[in-house]
């Protein structure tokens, strides 16, 4: 044998050994959670027969997955949804915190179990990559001054970006983290890698990007922006504020996905014997709608459609990477969204597309459009062909499901609202896993659904759709009651016709709130 042949043989044996080492721990599957931001149930083209968005890669994934047709987020906006996904607990149970964009303090209490710490205890290497939006502790330049100034111009804060943060993913069960503090339209626009800001040289977005005149044709422009915001075109805006000098808004999604893929590759290379869990939280298709050059102008739906197709491509990149690394079969890939899309009635009329297909309302609302989401779970070792699961589940249920997956008992006072759907994945069980489910709107309106009936403890959307909050009148309903089996679009309020049903559900909602758990 030549020395060259021997060297090649040795390298081949090393690579083969790494793959075999991964295969030895196949009893514990890897897990990748892909969480889209603001993507509606009807944006997945296989969910919506009249969709003007195209998601061919998600559709292909769904063909050999469990497809949940009644999945819900833990809240109708970002913060309660992410808190619930990570903790298995409704966010209304947590102590309220003063919130300001990406500067909010940690909302998850120190020591509380998360899916990260749960999986660490099961022997997993864990990572949180992408949008965080449940708070961190920032250090201040001057401890005698507030972090956020009281004056109107809050673009310059008292935050010291050169010092380590605390209370973030690394404190809550994630071995590795590379995060954006909040949404991609909220300052500060910085990446934080394992508690340290990657580029602490901070400027204002207004100094990095040109500003054009605001338009008035898009709902987010009318309701959610002010004179300090940065505008380019429809759906492309973000709040002015602090930004790392090297940060590029248009590159953020690619950066996040590349970090996630690098984590997977490094795990297989460096720790092939250990299973991993990656929580990959995308920043799109939330505003700003900024598809990269490969997708710009591709969709018949315009910029939003382009952006959805880019999200779809990221799903393909994840699945292709797993296949190339020969770990696809025993890796659970979850695709979902953090809540409904901010797609108002005028958007439906203008674009002829129902982002929240089959539901009333939009992001923020207590109605189904606010929290009904796509949920598709692929696991080739266990799921050989598509299985439709029609009963209610929630992103809160990841905690109990992962616990059962690993044969773990949840710690006391953890996962208080989480129900396991593990048998749906492994046994194609058609039995309901929940006997009730609670929803929360952006204005903290609550609803509970049980046996097909949905009770809402107020009038109005409780979110983004007008009317938001309505005062009851004498002799009129105090809340809303819908029979979703016969009225999926929540058009017929039966509050006055079924007082006993109202009493039953309102009492149950109050009891579950007071009790501190619903499972």
Protein backbone atom coordinates (compact mmCIF):
# COMPACT_ATOMS: atom_id res chain seq x y z
CA UNK A 1 0.00 0.00 0.00
CA UNK A 2 1.15 3.51 -0.77
CA UNK A 3 1.25 6.13 1.98
CA UNK A 4 -1.40 8.13 0.08
CA UNK A 5 -3.77 5.15 -0.02
CA UNK A 6 -3.26 4.47 3.68
CA UNK A 7 -4.04 8.13 4.49
CA UNK A 8 -7.23 8.06 2.43
CA UNK A 9 -8.28 4.80 4.09
CA UNK A 10 -7.71 6.29 7.53
CA UNK A 11 -9.81 9.38 6.74
CA UNK A 12 -12.61 7.18 5.38
CA UNK A 13 -12.60 5.09 8.54
CA UNK A 14 -12.80 8.22 10.71
CA UNK A 15 -15.80 9.58 8.77
CA UNK A 16 -17.50 6.19 8.78
CA UNK A 17 -16.91 5.94 12.51
CA UNK A 18 -18.57 9.32 13.07
CA UNK A 19 -21.69 8.23 11.19
CA UNK A 20 -21.81 4.89 13.02
CA UNK A 21 -21.42 6.69 16.35
CA UNK A 22 -24.45 8.82 15.51
CA UNK A 23 -26.39 5.70 14.53
CA UNK A 24 -25.63 4.01 17.87
CA UNK A 25 -27.70 6.62 19.71
CA UNK A 26 -30.63 6.42 17.34
CA UNK A 27 -32.94 5.66 20.26
CA UNK A 28 -32.74 9.39 21.00
CA UNK A 29 -33.68 11.36 17.92
CA UNK A 30 -32.23 14.75 17.09
CA UNK A 31 -34.80 17.55 17.07
CA UNK A 32 -34.95 20.67 14.89
CA UNK A 33 -37.73 23.18 15.55
CA UNK A 34 -38.18 25.66 12.68
CA UNK A 35 -40.35 28.49 13.97
CA UNK A 36 -41.50 30.96 11.32
CA UNK A 37 -42.53 34.45 12.44
CA UNK A 38 -46.01 35.77 11.49
CA UNK A 39 -46.64 33.01 8.93
CA UNK A 40 -50.31 32.15 8.62
CA UNK A 41 -51.90 28.71 8.36
CA UNK A 42 -52.99 29.54 4.79
CA UNK A 43 -49.51 30.65 3.71
CA UNK A 44 -48.57 26.97 3.50
CA UNK A 45 -49.92 26.16 0.07
CA UNK A 46 -50.90 22.58 0.93
CA UNK A 47 -53.15 23.97 3.70
CA UNK A 48 -54.95 26.40 1.42
CA UNK A 49 -56.53 25.35 -1.89
CA UNK A 50 -56.71 28.99 -3.03
CA UNK A 51 -53.25 30.03 -1.78
CA UNK A 52 -51.33 32.54 -3.86
CA UNK A 53 -48.20 31.73 -1.90
CA UNK A 54 -46.07 28.74 -2.90
CA UNK A 55 -44.34 26.46 -0.39
CA UNK A 56 -43.27 23.39 -2.43
CA UNK A 57 -40.65 22.23 0.07
CA UNK A 58 -42.96 22.42 3.07
CA UNK A 59 -45.64 20.68 1.01
CA UNK A 60 -43.25 17.82 0.16
CA UNK A 61 -42.27 17.55 3.83
CA UNK A 62 -45.96 17.34 4.76
CA UNK A 63 -46.47 14.32 2.49
CA UNK A 64 -44.53 12.14 4.95
CA UNK A 65 -45.34 13.92 8.19
CA UNK A 66 -48.00 14.32 10.81
CA UNK A 67 -50.01 17.36 9.75
CA UNK A 68 -51.91 19.02 12.60
CA UNK A 69 -54.99 20.84 11.32
CA UNK A 70 -56.01 22.37 14.67
CA UNK A 71 -52.68 23.54 16.11
CA UNK A 72 -52.43 26.76 18.09
CA UNK A 73 -49.76 29.05 19.44
CA UNK A 74 -49.54 29.89 23.12
CA UNK A 75 -50.48 33.49 22.34
CA UNK A 76 -51.58 35.64 19.42
CA UNK A 77 -48.37 37.70 19.46
CA UNK A 78 -44.67 36.91 19.77
CA UNK A 79 -43.91 37.11 23.49
CA UNK A 80 -46.63 34.87 24.99
CA UNK A 81 -46.20 32.43 22.12
CA UNK A 82 -42.46 32.01 22.67
CA UNK A 83 -42.76 31.95 26.44
CA UNK A 84 -45.30 29.13 26.15
CA UNK A 85 -43.31 27.12 23.60
CA UNK A 86 -40.17 27.30 25.73
CA UNK A 87 -41.76 26.64 29.15
CA UNK A 88 -44.95 24.62 28.56
CA UNK A 89 -46.81 27.29 30.53
CA UNK A 90 -49.17 30.11 29.59
CA UNK A 91 -47.47 33.47 29.87
CA UNK A 92 -50.36 35.06 31.77
CA UNK A 93 -49.19 33.00 34.76
CA UNK A 94 -45.84 34.83 34.82
CA UNK A 95 -45.17 38.06 36.69
CA UNK A 96 -45.79 41.06 34.40
CA UNK A 97 -42.70 42.92 33.19
CA UNK A 98 -42.25 46.37 31.73
CA UNK A 99 -41.57 45.83 28.03
CA UNK A 100 -39.81 48.02 25.49
CA UNK A 101 -38.96 46.41 22.16
CA UNK A 102 -35.76 44.33 22.36
CA UNK A 103 -34.68 45.83 25.67
CA UNK A 104 -37.21 43.91 27.78
CA UNK A 105 -35.89 42.04 30.85
CA UNK A 106 -36.06 38.23 31.09
CA UNK A 107 -39.65 36.99 31.17
CA UNK A 108 -38.72 33.39 31.97
CA UNK A 109 -38.00 33.10 35.67
CA UNK A 110 -34.51 31.91 36.75
CA UNK A 111 -34.54 28.19 37.40
CA UNK A 112 -37.73 27.51 35.46
CA UNK A 113 -37.57 24.39 33.30
CA UNK A 114 -37.51 25.00 29.55
CA UNK A 115 -37.40 22.63 26.63
CA UNK A 116 -33.67 23.44 26.59
CA UNK A 117 -32.97 22.38 30.16
CA UNK A 118 -35.31 19.40 29.79
CA UNK A 119 -33.35 18.11 26.81
CA UNK A 120 -30.01 18.86 28.47
CA UNK A 121 -31.04 16.54 31.32
CA UNK A 122 -31.80 13.88 28.71
CA UNK A 123 -28.24 14.11 27.36
CA UNK A 124 -28.85 16.46 24.42
CA UNK A 125 -26.67 19.30 23.21
CA UNK A 126 -29.05 22.24 22.80
CA UNK A 127 -28.96 25.43 20.76
CA UNK A 128 -31.16 28.51 20.39
CA UNK A 129 -30.54 30.33 17.13
CA UNK A 130 -32.56 33.28 15.82
CA UNK A 131 -35.26 35.49 17.28
CA UNK A 132 -35.46 35.27 21.09
CA UNK A 133 -37.99 37.91 22.26
CA UNK A 134 -38.43 36.74 25.85
CA UNK A 135 -35.91 39.15 27.31
CA UNK A 136 -32.35 39.37 28.58
CA UNK A 137 -30.57 41.40 31.25
CA UNK A 138 -28.62 44.24 29.69
CA UNK A 139 -25.78 46.03 31.46
CA UNK A 140 -25.97 49.84 31.67
CA UNK A 141 -23.43 52.53 30.87
CA UNK A 142 -24.57 54.51 33.91
CA UNK A 143 -26.24 52.59 36.73
CA UNK A 144 -27.73 55.80 38.11
CA UNK A 145 -29.80 56.39 34.96
CA UNK A 146 -32.69 54.37 33.48
CA UNK A 147 -31.96 52.17 30.50
CA UNK A 148 -34.67 53.80 28.37
CA UNK A 149 -34.81 57.62 28.43
CA UNK A 150 -38.09 59.28 29.41
CA UNK A 151 -38.01 61.80 26.59
CA UNK A 152 -39.72 61.21 23.26
CA UNK A 153 -36.51 60.34 21.42
CA UNK A 154 -35.76 56.86 22.77
CA UNK A 155 -33.46 55.82 19.94
CA UNK A 156 -30.30 56.24 22.06
CA UNK A 157 -30.44 54.18 25.24
CA UNK A 158 -28.26 53.70 28.31
CA UNK A 159 -27.34 50.16 27.21
CA UNK A 160 -23.70 49.06 27.38
CA UNK A 161 -23.32 46.71 24.42
CA UNK A 162 -19.68 45.95 25.25
CA UNK A 163 -20.60 43.93 28.34
CA UNK A 164 -22.05 40.44 28.60
CA UNK A 165 -25.80 39.97 28.92
CA UNK A 166 -27.41 37.49 31.33
CA UNK A 167 -30.77 35.77 31.68
CA UNK A 168 -30.80 34.67 28.04
CA UNK A 169 -30.76 31.23 26.39
CA UNK A 170 -27.50 30.11 27.99
CA UNK A 171 -29.07 30.61 31.42
CA UNK A 172 -32.16 28.65 30.43
CA UNK A 173 -30.87 25.33 29.17
CA UNK A 174 -29.22 26.11 25.84
CA UNK A 175 -25.56 25.15 25.42
CA UNK A 176 -25.12 27.40 22.41
CA UNK A 177 -26.97 30.53 21.40
CA UNK A 178 -26.84 33.04 18.57
CA UNK A 179 -29.84 35.31 18.90
CA UNK A 180 -31.52 38.52 17.82
CA UNK A 181 -33.10 40.07 20.94
CA UNK A 182 -36.54 40.66 19.38
CA UNK A 183 -38.26 41.11 16.01
CA UNK A 184 -36.40 42.37 12.96
CA UNK A 185 -38.33 45.65 13.10
CA UNK A 186 -37.37 46.34 16.74
CA UNK A 187 -34.10 47.71 18.11
CA UNK A 188 -31.52 46.86 19.20
CA UNK A 189 -30.40 45.28 15.95
CA UNK A 190 -27.51 43.21 17.29
CA UNK A 191 -26.56 39.55 17.37
CA UNK A 192 -25.76 38.02 20.75
CA UNK A 193 -23.54 34.93 20.71
CA UNK A 194 -23.34 33.07 24.00
CA UNK A 195 -24.13 36.16 26.11
CA UNK A 196 -21.88 38.56 24.19
CA UNK A 197 -22.87 41.11 21.54
CA UNK A 198 -21.01 40.10 18.38
CA UNK A 199 -20.41 43.68 17.24
CA UNK A 200 -20.70 46.23 20.10
CA UNK A 201 -19.88 49.15 17.78
CA UNK A 202 -23.42 50.57 17.69
CA UNK A 203 -24.89 53.27 15.44
CA UNK A 204 -28.44 54.35 14.56
CA UNK A 205 -30.37 52.67 11.76
CA UNK A 206 -31.16 56.13 10.38
CA UNK A 207 -27.44 56.60 9.77
CA UNK A 208 -27.14 53.25 8.00
CA UNK A 209 -30.26 53.31 5.79
CA UNK A 210 -31.94 56.02 3.69
CA UNK A 211 -35.37 57.22 4.73
CA UNK A 212 -38.24 57.75 2.31
CA UNK A 213 -41.71 59.16 2.80
CA UNK A 214 -44.21 56.84 4.52
CA UNK A 215 -47.05 55.46 2.46
CA UNK A 216 -50.57 54.93 3.73
CA UNK A 217 -51.76 51.92 1.76
CA UNK A 218 -50.59 49.12 4.03
CA UNK A 219 -52.21 48.34 7.37
CA UNK A 220 -48.93 48.19 9.32
CA UNK A 221 -47.97 51.65 8.07
CA UNK A 222 -51.25 53.08 9.33
CA UNK A 223 -51.29 51.47 12.76
CA UNK A 224 -47.80 50.55 13.84
CA UNK A 225 -45.35 53.19 12.69
CA UNK A 226 -44.38 56.78 13.38
CA UNK A 227 -42.25 59.56 11.95
CA UNK A 228 -39.01 58.01 13.25
CA UNK A 229 -39.41 54.74 11.36
CA UNK A 230 -37.44 53.68 8.31
CA UNK A 231 -39.50 53.12 5.14
CA UNK A 232 -38.54 51.65 1.80
CA UNK A 233 -41.57 50.09 0.16
CA UNK A 234 -44.72 48.19 1.03
CA UNK A 235 -44.14 45.81 3.95
CA UNK A 236 -40.54 47.00 4.31
CA UNK A 237 -40.16 49.12 7.42
CA UNK A 238 -38.50 48.98 10.80
CA UNK A 239 -38.17 51.19 13.85
CA UNK A 240 -35.24 53.54 14.05
CA UNK A 241 -32.85 52.65 16.86
CA UNK A 242 -29.52 51.18 17.88
CA UNK A 243 -27.80 48.80 15.48
CA UNK A 244 -24.42 47.10 15.25
CA UNK A 245 -22.37 48.81 12.58
CA UNK A 246 -21.90 45.52 10.72
CA UNK A 247 -25.57 44.50 11.00
CA UNK A 248 -27.49 44.24 7.72
CA UNK A 249 -31.26 43.93 8.02
CA UNK A 250 -31.48 42.33 4.59
CA UNK A 251 -28.96 39.62 5.55
CA UNK A 252 -30.44 38.69 8.93
CA UNK A 253 -32.43 35.62 7.89
CA UNK A 254 -29.53 34.13 5.92
CA UNK A 255 -27.23 34.75 8.88
CA UNK A 256 -29.59 32.98 11.28
CA UNK A 257 -30.13 29.95 9.04
CA UNK A 258 -26.41 29.60 8.29
CA UNK A 259 -25.70 29.66 12.03
CA UNK A 260 -28.28 26.95 12.57
CA UNK A 261 -26.89 24.75 9.79
CA UNK A 262 -23.35 25.25 11.12
CA UNK A 263 -24.50 24.07 14.55
CA UNK A 264 -25.92 20.86 13.05
CA UNK A 265 -22.75 20.18 11.04
CA UNK A 266 -20.48 20.86 14.00
CA UNK A 267 -22.49 18.52 16.19
CA UNK A 268 -22.19 15.65 13.75
CA UNK A 269 -18.48 16.34 13.27
CA UNK A 270 -17.43 16.98 16.88
CA UNK A 271 -19.98 15.08 19.00
CA UNK A 272 -21.49 12.39 16.78
CA UNK A 273 -22.45 10.26 19.78
CA UNK A 274 -24.70 12.97 21.29
CA UNK A 275 -28.20 13.83 20.09
CA UNK A 276 -28.96 17.53 19.63
CA UNK A 277 -31.91 19.88 19.70
CA UNK A 278 -31.89 23.05 17.63
CA UNK A 279 -34.50 25.74 18.22
CA UNK A 280 -34.27 27.73 14.97
CA UNK A 281 -36.47 30.81 15.29
CA UNK A 282 -36.69 32.69 11.98
CA UNK A 283 -37.41 36.41 11.71
CA UNK A 284 -39.68 36.12 8.68
CA UNK A 285 -42.08 36.52 7.06
CA UNK A 286 -42.55 39.17 9.79
CA UNK A 287 -41.79 42.70 8.62
CA UNK A 288 -39.56 43.95 7.12
CA UNK A 289 -40.33 41.97 3.99
CA UNK A 290 -36.86 41.79 2.47
CA UNK A 291 -36.39 38.66 0.36
CA UNK A 292 -32.88 38.06 -0.87
CA UNK A 293 -31.89 38.33 -4.53
CA UNK A 294 -32.71 34.67 -5.20
CA UNK A 295 -36.39 35.24 -4.41
CA UNK A 296 -37.10 38.88 -5.15
CA UNK A 297 -39.72 39.15 -7.88
CA UNK A 298 -40.40 35.41 -7.90
CA UNK A 299 -43.96 35.27 -6.53
CA UNK A 300 -47.26 36.35 -8.08
CA UNK A 301 -48.16 37.70 -4.63
CA UNK A 302 -45.38 40.29 -4.66
CA UNK A 303 -42.85 40.93 -1.92
CA UNK A 304 -44.72 39.01 0.77
CA UNK A 305 -45.01 35.97 -1.49
CA UNK A 306 -41.30 36.23 -2.32
CA UNK A 307 -40.51 36.23 1.38
CA UNK A 308 -42.70 33.19 2.08
CA UNK A 309 -40.93 31.30 -0.70
CA UNK A 310 -37.61 32.18 0.92
CA UNK A 311 -38.86 30.74 4.23
CA UNK A 312 -39.88 27.61 2.34
CA UNK A 313 -36.35 27.33 0.93
CA UNK A 314 -34.87 27.43 4.43
CA UNK A 315 -36.96 24.38 5.32
CA UNK A 316 -35.44 22.62 2.29
CA UNK A 317 -31.94 23.64 3.37
CA UNK A 318 -32.44 22.12 6.81
CA UNK A 319 -33.87 18.86 5.45
CA UNK A 320 -31.18 18.59 2.77
CA UNK A 321 -28.41 19.14 5.31
CA UNK A 322 -29.78 16.37 7.52
CA UNK A 323 -29.95 14.07 4.51
CA UNK A 324 -26.39 14.88 3.42
CA UNK A 325 -25.13 14.15 6.94
CA UNK A 326 -26.98 10.81 6.96
CA UNK A 327 -28.99 11.74 10.07
CA UNK A 328 -32.35 12.48 8.44
CA UNK A 329 -34.12 9.25 9.40
CA UNK A 330 -33.98 9.75 13.14
CA UNK A 331 -34.20 13.51 13.27
CA UNK A 332 -37.54 15.06 14.16
CA UNK A 333 -38.10 18.20 12.08
CA UNK A 334 -40.89 20.49 13.23
CA UNK A 335 -42.16 23.31 11.05
CA UNK A 336 -44.56 25.78 12.61
CA UNK A 337 -45.26 29.48 13.20
CA UNK A 338 -45.43 31.61 16.33
CA UNK A 339 -49.03 32.79 15.67
CA UNK A 340 -51.32 33.94 12.88
CA UNK A 341 -50.36 36.39 10.16
CA UNK A 342 -51.08 40.15 10.43
CA UNK A 343 -53.29 39.84 7.38
CA UNK A 344 -56.31 42.12 7.70
CA UNK A 345 -59.53 42.12 5.68
CA UNK A 346 -58.19 44.82 3.35
CA UNK A 347 -55.12 42.66 2.65
CA UNK A 348 -57.41 39.77 1.73
CA UNK A 349 -59.28 42.06 -0.68
CA UNK A 350 -56.17 43.67 -2.20
CA UNK A 351 -54.06 40.51 -2.58
CA UNK A 352 -56.85 37.93 -3.05
CA UNK A 353 -55.01 35.70 -0.60
CA UNK A 354 -56.15 34.37 2.78
CA UNK A 355 -53.03 34.12 4.90
CA UNK A 356 -55.11 32.83 7.83
CA UNK A 357 -57.21 30.56 5.64
CA UNK A 358 -60.40 29.19 7.20
CA UNK A 359 -60.26 31.49 10.22
CA UNK A 360 -61.62 34.84 11.35
CA UNK A 361 -59.18 37.57 12.33
CA UNK A 362 -55.43 37.98 12.26
CA UNK A 363 -52.32 38.16 14.43
CA UNK A 364 -53.09 39.62 17.84
CA UNK A 365 -56.76 38.62 17.79
CA UNK A 366 -58.57 36.27 20.15
CA UNK A 367 -60.39 34.86 17.12
CA UNK A 368 -58.91 31.75 15.50
CA UNK A 369 -56.89 33.70 12.94
CA UNK A 370 -54.76 35.09 15.74
CA UNK A 371 -53.39 31.79 16.96
CA UNK A 372 -54.31 28.96 14.55
CA UNK A 373 -51.00 27.93 12.98
CA UNK A 374 -49.39 25.45 10.60
CA UNK A 375 -47.73 22.52 12.40
CA UNK A 376 -45.99 19.77 10.44
CA UNK A 377 -43.74 17.16 12.07
CA UNK A 378 -41.46 14.82 10.11
CA UNK A 379 -39.67 11.83 11.64
CA UNK A 380 -38.80 9.27 8.92
CA UNK A 381 -37.95 6.48 11.38
CA UNK A 382 -41.47 6.61 12.83
CA UNK A 383 -43.66 8.40 10.28
CA UNK A 384 -43.72 6.71 6.88
CA UNK A 385 -46.63 8.51 5.28
CA UNK A 386 -48.84 11.51 5.93
CA UNK A 387 -51.16 11.38 8.90
CA UNK A 388 -53.74 14.11 9.53
CA UNK A 389 -54.40 14.85 13.20
CA UNK A 390 -57.62 16.90 13.57
CA UNK A 391 -57.72 17.61 17.31
CA UNK A 392 -56.38 20.61 19.25
CA UNK A 393 -52.73 20.85 20.19
CA UNK A 394 -50.58 23.81 21.22
CA UNK A 395 -46.94 24.79 20.92
CA UNK A 396 -47.06 24.63 24.72
CA UNK A 397 -47.32 20.85 24.28
CA UNK A 398 -43.71 20.47 23.08
CA UNK A 399 -42.56 20.30 26.71
CA UNK A 400 -44.68 17.29 27.70
CA UNK A 401 -44.13 15.61 24.33
CA UNK A 402 -40.34 15.83 24.60
CA UNK A 403 -40.56 14.64 28.19
CA UNK A 404 -42.43 11.49 27.16
CA UNK A 405 -40.09 11.03 24.20
CA UNK A 406 -37.16 10.70 26.61
CA UNK A 407 -38.98 8.84 29.36
CA UNK A 408 -38.51 11.78 31.70
CA UNK A 409 -40.73 13.05 34.46
CA UNK A 410 -41.33 16.78 34.37
CA UNK A 411 -40.05 18.66 37.39
CA UNK A 412 -42.66 19.91 39.83
CA UNK A 413 -43.99 23.35 38.91
CA UNK A 414 -42.94 23.01 35.29
CA UNK A 415 -44.86 22.46 32.08
CA UNK A 416 -48.06 23.32 33.93
CA UNK A 417 -50.13 23.63 30.76
CA UNK A 418 -48.42 21.09 28.52
CA UNK A 419 -50.04 17.90 27.15
CA UNK A 420 -48.07 15.21 25.34
CA UNK A 421 -48.92 14.28 21.75
CA UNK A 422 -46.05 11.77 21.57
CA UNK A 423 -48.37 8.86 20.69
CA UNK A 424 -49.72 10.83 17.74
CA UNK A 425 -46.19 10.69 16.30
CA UNK A 426 -45.36 7.09 17.18
CA UNK A 427 -48.69 5.27 17.10
CA UNK A 428 -50.79 7.43 14.76
CA UNK A 429 -53.19 7.90 17.64
CA UNK A 430 -56.40 9.70 16.74
CA UNK A 431 -57.45 10.25 20.36
CA UNK A 432 -57.63 13.87 21.61
CA UNK A 433 -54.67 14.76 23.84
CA UNK A 434 -56.38 17.79 25.37
CA UNK A 435 -59.81 18.25 26.92
CA UNK A 436 -59.52 22.05 26.71
CA UNK A 437 -57.21 24.78 25.40
CA UNK A 438 -56.78 28.42 26.42
CA UNK A 439 -55.97 31.34 24.12
CA UNK A 440 -54.64 34.84 24.88
CA UNK A 441 -54.81 37.91 22.63
CA UNK A 442 -52.42 40.85 22.37
CA UNK A 443 -54.71 42.86 24.68
CA UNK A 444 -54.78 39.99 27.21
CA UNK A 445 -58.29 38.89 26.36
CA UNK A 446 -58.71 35.21 27.20
CA UNK A 447 -60.68 32.41 25.59
CA UNK A 448 -61.17 28.73 26.29
CA UNK A 449 -62.25 25.99 23.89
CA UNK A 450 -63.79 22.69 25.03
CA UNK A 451 -65.90 20.14 23.15
CA UNK A 452 -66.03 22.38 20.10
CA UNK A 453 -67.37 25.38 22.04
CA UNK A 454 -65.29 28.53 22.44
CA UNK A 455 -65.92 31.13 25.14
CA UNK A 456 -64.25 34.58 25.03
CA UNK A 457 -64.25 36.79 28.13
CA UNK A 458 -64.91 40.06 26.30
CA UNK A 459 -66.28 41.72 23.17
CA UNK A 460 -64.21 42.66 20.13
CA UNK A 461 -61.06 41.13 18.65
CA UNK A 462 -58.88 41.82 21.66
CA UNK A 463 -56.06 42.36 19.18
CA UNK A 464 -55.34 44.11 15.88
CA UNK A 465 -58.71 43.91 14.12
CA UNK A 466 -61.25 46.68 14.71
CA UNK A 467 -63.26 46.81 16.88
CA UNK A 468 -60.61 45.84 19.41
CA UNK A 469 -62.57 46.22 22.65
CA UNK A 470 -66.30 46.88 22.96
CA UNK A 471 -68.21 47.94 26.04
CA UNK A 472 -71.21 45.74 26.82
CA UNK A 473 -74.65 47.36 26.73
CA UNK A 474 -77.57 46.69 29.06
CA UNK A 475 -79.20 43.41 28.20
CA UNK A 476 -76.49 42.51 25.69
CA UNK A 477 -73.79 39.82 25.81
CA UNK A 478 -70.80 40.33 28.11
CA UNK A 479 -68.59 38.10 26.00
CA UNK A 480 -68.61 35.76 23.04
CA UNK A 481 -69.62 32.13 22.60
CA UNK A 482 -69.17 30.18 19.36
CA UNK A 483 -69.92 26.62 18.32
CA UNK A 484 -66.85 26.05 16.16
CA UNK A 485 -68.17 22.75 14.83
CA UNK A 486 -70.92 24.63 12.98
CA UNK A 487 -69.40 28.11 12.84
CA UNK A 488 -65.67 27.93 12.15
CA UNK A 489 -65.56 31.62 11.16
CA UNK A 490 -67.02 32.75 14.51
CA UNK A 491 -69.83 34.76 12.94
CA UNK A 492 -72.73 33.83 15.23
CA UNK A 493 -72.29 34.85 18.87
CA UNK A 494 -74.44 32.44 20.94
CA UNK A 495 -73.65 34.03 24.31
CA UNK A 496 -77.27 34.91 25.14
CA UNK A 497 -78.77 31.71 23.73
CA UNK A 498 -76.68 29.31 25.85
CA UNK A 499 -76.23 30.83 29.32
CA UNK A 500 -75.41 27.46 30.92
CA UNK A 501 -72.63 26.82 28.42
CA UNK A 502 -71.27 30.33 29.11
CA UNK A 503 -71.33 29.66 32.84
CA UNK A 504 -69.61 26.30 32.45
CA UNK A 505 -66.78 27.61 30.29
CA UNK A 506 -66.26 30.89 32.13
CA UNK A 507 -66.07 29.01 35.43
CA UNK A 508 -63.60 26.51 33.96
CA UNK A 509 -61.43 29.33 32.60
CA UNK A 510 -61.37 31.06 36.00
CA UNK A 511 -60.63 27.81 37.81
CA UNK A 512 -57.72 26.93 35.54
CA UNK A 513 -56.26 30.41 35.96
CA UNK A 514 -56.52 30.27 39.75
CA UNK A 515 -55.30 26.68 39.97
CA UNK A 516 -52.02 27.60 38.29
CA UNK A 517 -52.12 24.73 35.81
CA UNK A 518 -54.42 23.22 33.22
CA UNK A 519 -52.98 19.71 32.87
